[in-house]
Amino acid sequence: MRIAIDARKLTHAESGLGNHTLNLVRGLLSADPDLELLLVRNGRRNRVPLDLPRAEEVHVPFPLDSPLTPLILAPFLRRQRFDVFHSPY
C-alpha cells in the first residue's frame, strides 16, 4: 500500500502539526515493513530531505495556507500514485 500524507506543516521542530506528522510517518513505517509513503511537502526541492526509508517526497510550489489549496492541490495529486490520502488538518 502507498499512503500520501500532507506533510506541508512539517517545517521545523517547533511545529505541533509537524511533530504530529513526523511521529505518524515514523510509526506507520515501523508498523508495516511493506508500506510506502508519499510525503507532500511545501517549498523548493532543495529543502533538506527527511531521509526516511520507503518515503518519497514531492514538493508543491503554491502557498501553504491559501484558501485555494483544495482547488490546486487536487490536480497536483492526480499526477501521483497512491492508495490513500491523509491530511492532518
N, C-alpha and C. Protein backbone atom coordinates (compact mmCIF):
# COMPACT_ATOMS: atom_id res chain seq x y z
N MET A 1 0.84 -1.17 0.00
CA MET A 1 0.00 0.00 0.00
C MET A 1 0.89 1.24 0.00
N ARG A 2 0.41 2.28 -0.63
CA ARG A 2 1.13 3.56 -0.68
C ARG A 2 0.19 4.66 -0.18
N ILE A 3 0.61 5.34 0.89
CA ILE A 3 -0.19 6.38 1.50
C ILE A 3 0.45 7.74 1.23
N ALA A 4 -0.34 8.67 0.73
CA ALA A 4 0.11 10.06 0.57
C ALA A 4 -0.29 10.82 1.83
N ILE A 5 0.67 11.54 2.38
CA ILE A 5 0.42 12.32 3.60
C ILE A 5 0.77 13.77 3.32
N ASP A 6 -0.17 14.65 3.64
CA ASP A 6 0.08 16.08 3.51
C ASP A 6 1.03 16.49 4.63
N ALA A 7 2.30 16.65 4.29
CA ALA A 7 3.33 16.97 5.28
C ALA A 7 3.82 18.41 5.10
N ARG A 8 2.97 19.28 4.59
CA ARG A 8 3.38 20.66 4.34
C ARG A 8 3.63 21.44 5.63
N LYS A 9 3.07 21.02 6.75
CA LYS A 9 3.33 21.69 8.03
C LYS A 9 4.60 21.17 8.69
N LEU A 10 5.23 20.19 8.08
CA LEU A 10 6.47 19.62 8.62
C LEU A 10 7.63 20.51 8.19
N THR A 11 7.79 21.62 8.91
CA THR A 11 8.77 22.63 8.52
C THR A 11 9.90 22.80 9.52
N HIS A 12 9.60 22.68 10.81
CA HIS A 12 10.64 22.83 11.83
C HIS A 12 10.21 22.09 13.09
N ALA A 13 11.14 21.92 14.00
CA ALA A 13 10.92 21.09 15.19
C ALA A 13 9.83 21.64 16.11
N GLU A 14 9.59 22.94 16.08
CA GLU A 14 8.60 23.54 16.99
C GLU A 14 7.17 23.44 16.49
N SER A 15 6.98 22.93 15.30
CA SER A 15 5.64 22.86 14.72
C SER A 15 4.85 21.72 15.35
N GLY A 16 3.70 22.04 15.95
CA GLY A 16 2.86 20.99 16.55
C GLY A 16 2.36 19.99 15.53
N LEU A 17 1.80 20.49 14.43
CA LEU A 17 1.36 19.59 13.36
C LEU A 17 2.54 18.91 12.69
N GLY A 18 3.67 19.59 12.64
CA GLY A 18 4.87 18.98 12.08
C GLY A 18 5.33 17.79 12.92
N ASN A 19 5.35 17.96 14.24
CA ASN A 19 5.72 16.86 15.14
C ASN A 19 4.73 15.71 15.03
N HIS A 20 3.46 16.04 15.00
CA HIS A 20 2.43 15.02 14.85
C HIS A 20 2.64 14.22 13.56
N THR A 21 2.87 14.94 12.46
CA THR A 21 3.05 14.29 11.16
C THR A 21 4.30 13.43 11.15
N LEU A 22 5.41 13.93 11.68
CA LEU A 22 6.65 13.16 11.70
C LEU A 22 6.48 11.90 12.55
N ASN A 23 5.84 12.00 13.70
CA ASN A 23 5.61 10.81 14.54
C ASN A 23 4.67 9.82 13.86
N LEU A 24 3.66 10.32 13.16
CA LEU A 24 2.76 9.45 12.41
C LEU A 24 3.53 8.70 11.33
N VAL A 25 4.34 9.41 10.58
CA VAL A 25 5.12 8.80 9.50
C VAL A 25 6.06 7.72 10.06
N ARG A 26 6.78 8.05 11.10
CA ARG A 26 7.71 7.07 11.71
C ARG A 26 6.96 5.85 12.24
N GLY A 27 5.81 6.08 12.88
CA GLY A 27 5.02 4.97 13.41
C GLY A 27 4.47 4.07 12.32
N LEU A 28 3.97 4.66 11.24
CA LEU A 28 3.45 3.86 10.13
C LEU A 28 4.56 3.03 9.48
N LEU A 29 5.72 3.64 9.27
CA LEU A 29 6.82 2.92 8.64
C LEU A 29 7.33 1.78 9.52
N SER A 30 7.34 1.97 10.83
CA SER A 30 7.81 0.89 11.71
C SER A 30 6.76 -0.20 11.88
N ALA A 31 5.48 0.15 11.74
CA ALA A 31 4.41 -0.84 11.92
C ALA A 31 4.24 -1.76 10.73
N ASP A 32 4.57 -1.29 9.53
CA ASP A 32 4.34 -2.08 8.31
C ASP A 32 5.56 -2.01 7.41
N PRO A 33 6.35 -3.07 7.33
CA PRO A 33 7.56 -3.05 6.52
C PRO A 33 7.30 -2.99 5.01
N ASP A 34 6.06 -3.21 4.58
CA ASP A 34 5.73 -3.16 3.16
C ASP A 34 5.10 -1.83 2.74
N LEU A 35 4.88 -0.96 3.68
CA LEU A 35 4.21 0.32 3.42
C LEU A 35 5.16 1.30 2.73
N GLU A 36 4.63 2.03 1.77
CA GLU A 36 5.36 3.13 1.12
C GLU A 36 4.59 4.42 1.39
N LEU A 37 5.33 5.51 1.56
CA LEU A 37 4.71 6.80 1.82
C LEU A 37 5.09 7.81 0.75
N LEU A 38 4.16 8.67 0.44
CA LEU A 38 4.39 9.81 -0.43
C LEU A 38 4.14 11.05 0.42
N LEU A 39 5.19 11.79 0.74
CA LEU A 39 5.06 12.96 1.59
C LEU A 39 4.95 14.21 0.72
N VAL A 40 3.83 14.88 0.85
CA VAL A 40 3.59 16.11 0.10
C VAL A 40 4.12 17.26 0.94
N ARG A 41 5.20 17.89 0.46
CA ARG A 41 5.84 18.97 1.21
C ARG A 41 5.75 20.27 0.46
N ASN A 42 5.87 21.34 1.19
CA ASN A 42 5.78 22.67 0.61
C ASN A 42 7.18 23.20 0.30
N GLY A 43 7.28 24.02 -0.70
CA GLY A 43 8.55 24.69 -0.97
C GLY A 43 9.35 24.07 -2.09
N ARG A 44 10.61 24.45 -2.11
CA ARG A 44 11.51 24.02 -3.17
C ARG A 44 12.11 22.65 -2.88
N ARG A 45 12.57 22.00 -3.92
CA ARG A 45 13.18 20.67 -3.79
C ARG A 45 14.51 20.70 -3.06
N ASN A 46 15.13 21.85 -2.92
CA ASN A 46 16.44 21.88 -2.26
C ASN A 46 16.31 21.92 -0.73
N ARG A 47 15.10 21.82 -0.22
CA ARG A 47 14.90 21.71 1.23
C ARG A 47 15.53 20.41 1.72
N VAL A 48 16.01 20.39 2.95
CA VAL A 48 16.65 19.19 3.48
C VAL A 48 15.64 18.05 3.50
N PRO A 49 15.97 16.92 2.85
CA PRO A 49 15.03 15.79 2.84
C PRO A 49 14.95 15.13 4.21
N LEU A 50 13.87 14.43 4.46
CA LEU A 50 13.69 13.76 5.74
C LEU A 50 14.49 12.47 5.84
N ASP A 51 14.88 11.90 4.72
CA ASP A 51 15.70 10.69 4.68
C ASP A 51 15.07 9.55 5.48
N LEU A 52 13.82 9.26 5.18
CA LEU A 52 13.11 8.16 5.81
C LEU A 52 13.04 6.99 4.83
N PRO A 53 13.16 5.76 5.33
CA PRO A 53 13.06 4.62 4.41
C PRO A 53 11.66 4.50 3.83
N ARG A 54 11.57 4.16 2.57
CA ARG A 54 10.30 3.91 1.87
C ARG A 54 9.39 5.13 1.83
N ALA A 55 9.99 6.32 1.91
CA ALA A 55 9.21 7.56 1.85
C ALA A 55 9.75 8.44 0.73
N GLU A 56 8.89 8.77 -0.20
CA GLU A 56 9.24 9.67 -1.30
C GLU A 56 8.63 11.03 -1.01
N GLU A 57 9.35 12.08 -1.36
CA GLU A 57 8.85 13.44 -1.16
C GLU A 57 8.53 14.08 -2.50
N VAL A 58 7.40 14.78 -2.54
CA VAL A 58 7.07 15.65 -3.67
C VAL A 58 6.83 17.03 -3.08
N HIS A 59 7.18 18.06 -3.83
CA HIS A 59 7.08 19.42 -3.34
C HIS A 59 6.07 20.20 -4.17
N VAL A 60 5.17 20.86 -3.47
CA VAL A 60 4.16 21.68 -4.14
C VAL A 60 4.63 23.12 -4.14
N PRO A 61 4.47 23.82 -5.26
CA PRO A 61 5.02 25.17 -5.38
C PRO A 61 4.07 26.30 -4.99
N PHE A 62 2.95 26.00 -4.36
CA PHE A 62 2.00 27.07 -4.05
C PHE A 62 1.91 27.28 -2.54
N PRO A 63 1.35 28.41 -2.12
CA PRO A 63 1.33 28.78 -0.70
C PRO A 63 0.65 27.72 0.18
N LEU A 64 1.17 27.61 1.39
CA LEU A 64 0.72 26.59 2.33
C LEU A 64 -0.72 26.76 2.78
N ASP A 65 -1.08 27.94 3.22
CA ASP A 65 -2.40 28.15 3.82
C ASP A 65 -3.36 28.94 2.94
N SER A 66 -3.20 28.82 1.64
CA SER A 66 -4.07 29.53 0.72
C SER A 66 -5.48 28.93 0.75
N PRO A 67 -6.52 29.75 0.70
CA PRO A 67 -7.88 29.20 0.64
C PRO A 67 -8.13 28.43 -0.67
N LEU A 68 -7.26 28.61 -1.63
CA LEU A 68 -7.40 27.90 -2.90
C LEU A 68 -6.68 26.55 -2.90
N THR A 69 -6.06 26.19 -1.79
CA THR A 69 -5.30 24.94 -1.72
C THR A 69 -6.10 23.72 -2.18
N PRO A 70 -7.34 23.52 -1.73
CA PRO A 70 -8.06 22.33 -2.21
C PRO A 70 -8.22 22.29 -3.73
N LEU A 71 -8.36 23.45 -4.32
CA LEU A 71 -8.54 23.50 -5.78
C LEU A 71 -7.26 23.22 -6.54
N ILE A 72 -6.12 23.64 -5.99
CA ILE A 72 -4.87 23.42 -6.72
C ILE A 72 -4.12 22.18 -6.26
N LEU A 73 -4.37 21.72 -5.05
CA LEU A 73 -3.69 20.51 -4.58
C LEU A 73 -4.25 19.26 -5.26
N ALA A 74 -5.56 19.22 -5.48
CA ALA A 74 -6.18 18.04 -6.10
C ALA A 74 -5.61 17.72 -7.48
N PRO A 75 -5.52 18.67 -8.41
CA PRO A 75 -4.94 18.34 -9.72
C PRO A 75 -3.47 17.93 -9.62
N PHE A 76 -2.73 18.53 -8.69
CA PHE A 76 -1.33 18.16 -8.49
C PHE A 76 -1.23 16.70 -8.04
N LEU A 77 -2.10 16.31 -7.11
CA LEU A 77 -2.04 14.94 -6.57
C LEU A 77 -2.51 13.90 -7.58
N ARG A 78 -3.32 14.28 -8.54
CA ARG A 78 -3.76 13.32 -9.56
C ARG A 78 -2.59 12.79 -10.38
N ARG A 79 -1.49 13.51 -10.41
CA ARG A 79 -0.31 13.06 -11.16
C ARG A 79 0.54 12.08 -10.36
N GLN A 80 0.19 11.87 -9.09
CA GLN A 80 0.95 10.98 -8.21
C GLN A 80 0.23 9.64 -8.06
N ARG A 81 0.99 8.63 -7.64
CA ARG A 81 0.42 7.30 -7.43
C ARG A 81 0.33 7.04 -5.93
N PHE A 82 -0.90 6.76 -5.45
CA PHE A 82 -1.10 6.41 -4.03
C PHE A 82 -2.48 5.78 -3.88
N ASP A 83 -2.68 5.07 -2.77
CA ASP A 83 -3.94 4.39 -2.49
C ASP A 83 -4.84 5.19 -1.56
N VAL A 84 -4.24 5.89 -0.59
CA VAL A 84 -4.98 6.64 0.42
C VAL A 84 -4.30 7.97 0.62
N PHE A 85 -5.08 9.04 0.83
CA PHE A 85 -4.54 10.35 1.15
C PHE A 85 -4.94 10.74 2.56
N HIS A 86 -3.96 11.23 3.35
CA HIS A 86 -4.25 11.71 4.71
C HIS A 86 -3.74 13.12 4.87
N SER A 87 -4.60 13.99 5.39
CA SER A 87 -4.20 15.34 5.72
C SER A 87 -4.49 15.56 7.21
N PRO A 88 -3.48 15.94 7.99
CA PRO A 88 -3.70 16.08 9.43
C PRO A 88 -4.46 17.35 9.83
N TYR A 89 -4.79 18.19 8.85
CA TYR A 89 -5.54 19.42 9.18
C TYR A 89 -6.57 19.72 8.14
